[in-house]
Amino acid sequence: MNIGVLILIIVGGAAGGLSTFYLLVSLFGTLGFKIFRKVKYGTSLFN
């Protein structure tokens, strides 16, 4: 296989993996922060 194609495959796979990881972390981080505010301050989960 051509070295350029291999580099594109690696870079594309890394970009997809990192964006998926970021979405997962931000989703659970936001939910955790909202639950923390609900418990500590009694605010709504939907604000």
C-alpha atoms as a PDB file:
ATOM      1  CA  MET A   1       0.000   0.000   0.000  1.00  0.00           C
ATOM      2  CA  ASN A   2       1.063   3.555  -0.627  1.00  0.00           C
ATOM      3  CA  ILE A   3       2.535   5.388   2.388  1.00  0.00           C
ATOM      4  CA  GLY A   4       0.304   8.426   1.712  1.00  0.00           C
ATOM      5  CA  VAL A   5      -2.827   6.300   1.937  1.00  0.00           C
ATOM      6  CA  LEU A   6      -1.657   4.762   5.191  1.00  0.00           C
ATOM      7  CA  ILE A   7      -1.024   8.215   6.671  1.00  0.00           C
ATOM      8  CA  LEU A   8      -4.492   9.358   5.598  1.00  0.00           C
ATOM      9  CA  ILE A   9      -6.060   6.272   7.180  1.00  0.00           C
ATOM     10  CA  ILE A  10      -4.207   6.831  10.458  1.00  0.00           C
ATOM     11  CA  VAL A  11      -5.001  10.565  10.604  1.00  0.00           C
ATOM     12  CA  GLY A  12      -8.647  10.009   9.685  1.00  0.00           C
ATOM     13  CA  GLY A  13      -9.044   7.240  12.246  1.00  0.00           C
ATOM     14  CA  ALA A  14      -7.421   9.347  14.950  1.00  0.00           C
ATOM     15  CA  ALA A  15      -9.666  12.315  14.135  1.00  0.00           C
ATOM     16  CA  GLY A  16     -12.776  10.141  14.343  1.00  0.00           C
ATOM     17  CA  GLY A  17     -11.655   8.502  17.572  1.00  0.00           C
ATOM     18  CA  LEU A  18     -10.756  11.782  19.254  1.00  0.00           C
ATOM     19  CA  SER A  19     -14.011  13.480  18.269  1.00  0.00           C
ATOM     20  CA  THR A  20     -16.003  10.510  19.566  1.00  0.00           C
ATOM     21  CA  PHE A  21     -14.037  10.566  22.834  1.00  0.00           C
ATOM     22  CA  TYR A  22     -14.640  14.322  23.210  1.00  0.00           C
ATOM     23  CA  LEU A  23     -18.393  13.932  22.668  1.00  0.00           C
ATOM     24  CA  LEU A  24     -18.572  11.122  25.232  1.00  0.00           C
ATOM     25  CA  VAL A  25     -16.594  13.062  27.854  1.00  0.00           C
ATOM     26  CA  SER A  26     -18.544  16.289  27.323  1.00  0.00           C
ATOM     27  CA  LEU A  27     -21.894  14.452  27.511  1.00  0.00           C
ATOM     28  CA  PHE A  28     -21.114  12.803  30.833  1.00  0.00           C
ATOM     29  CA  GLY A  29     -19.363  15.937  32.120  1.00  0.00           C
ATOM     30  CA  THR A  30     -22.444  18.048  31.431  1.00  0.00           C
ATOM     31  CA  LEU A  31     -24.767  15.498  33.027  1.00  0.00           C
ATOM     32  CA  GLY A  32     -22.495  15.242  36.067  1.00  0.00           C
ATOM     33  CA  PHE A  33     -22.361  19.023  36.431  1.00  0.00           C
ATOM     34  CA  LYS A  34     -26.155  19.317  36.197  1.00  0.00           C
ATOM     35  CA  ILE A  35     -26.660  16.582  38.804  1.00  0.00           C
ATOM     36  CA  PHE A  36     -24.061  18.230  41.054  1.00  0.00           C
ATOM     37  CA  ARG A  37     -25.903  21.577  40.811  1.00  0.00           C
ATOM     38  CA  LYS A  38     -29.227  19.839  41.495  1.00  0.00           C
ATOM     39  CA  VAL A  39     -27.898  18.191  44.656  1.00  0.00           C
ATOM     40  CA  LYS A  40     -25.899  21.154  45.960  1.00  0.00           C
ATOM     41  CA  TYR A  41     -28.106  24.119  45.021  1.00  0.00           C
ATOM     42  CA  GLY A  42     -31.488  22.574  44.217  1.00  0.00           C
ATOM     43  CA  THR A  43     -31.611  24.033  40.705  1.00  0.00           C
ATOM     44  CA  SER A  44     -33.554  22.519  37.818  1.00  0.00           C
ATOM     45  CA  LEU A  45     -31.883  19.946  35.605  1.00  0.00           C
ATOM     46  CA  PHE A  46     -33.357  21.633  32.522  1.00  0.00           C
ATOM     47  CA  ASN A  47     -31.759  25.097  32.850  1.00  0.00           C
END
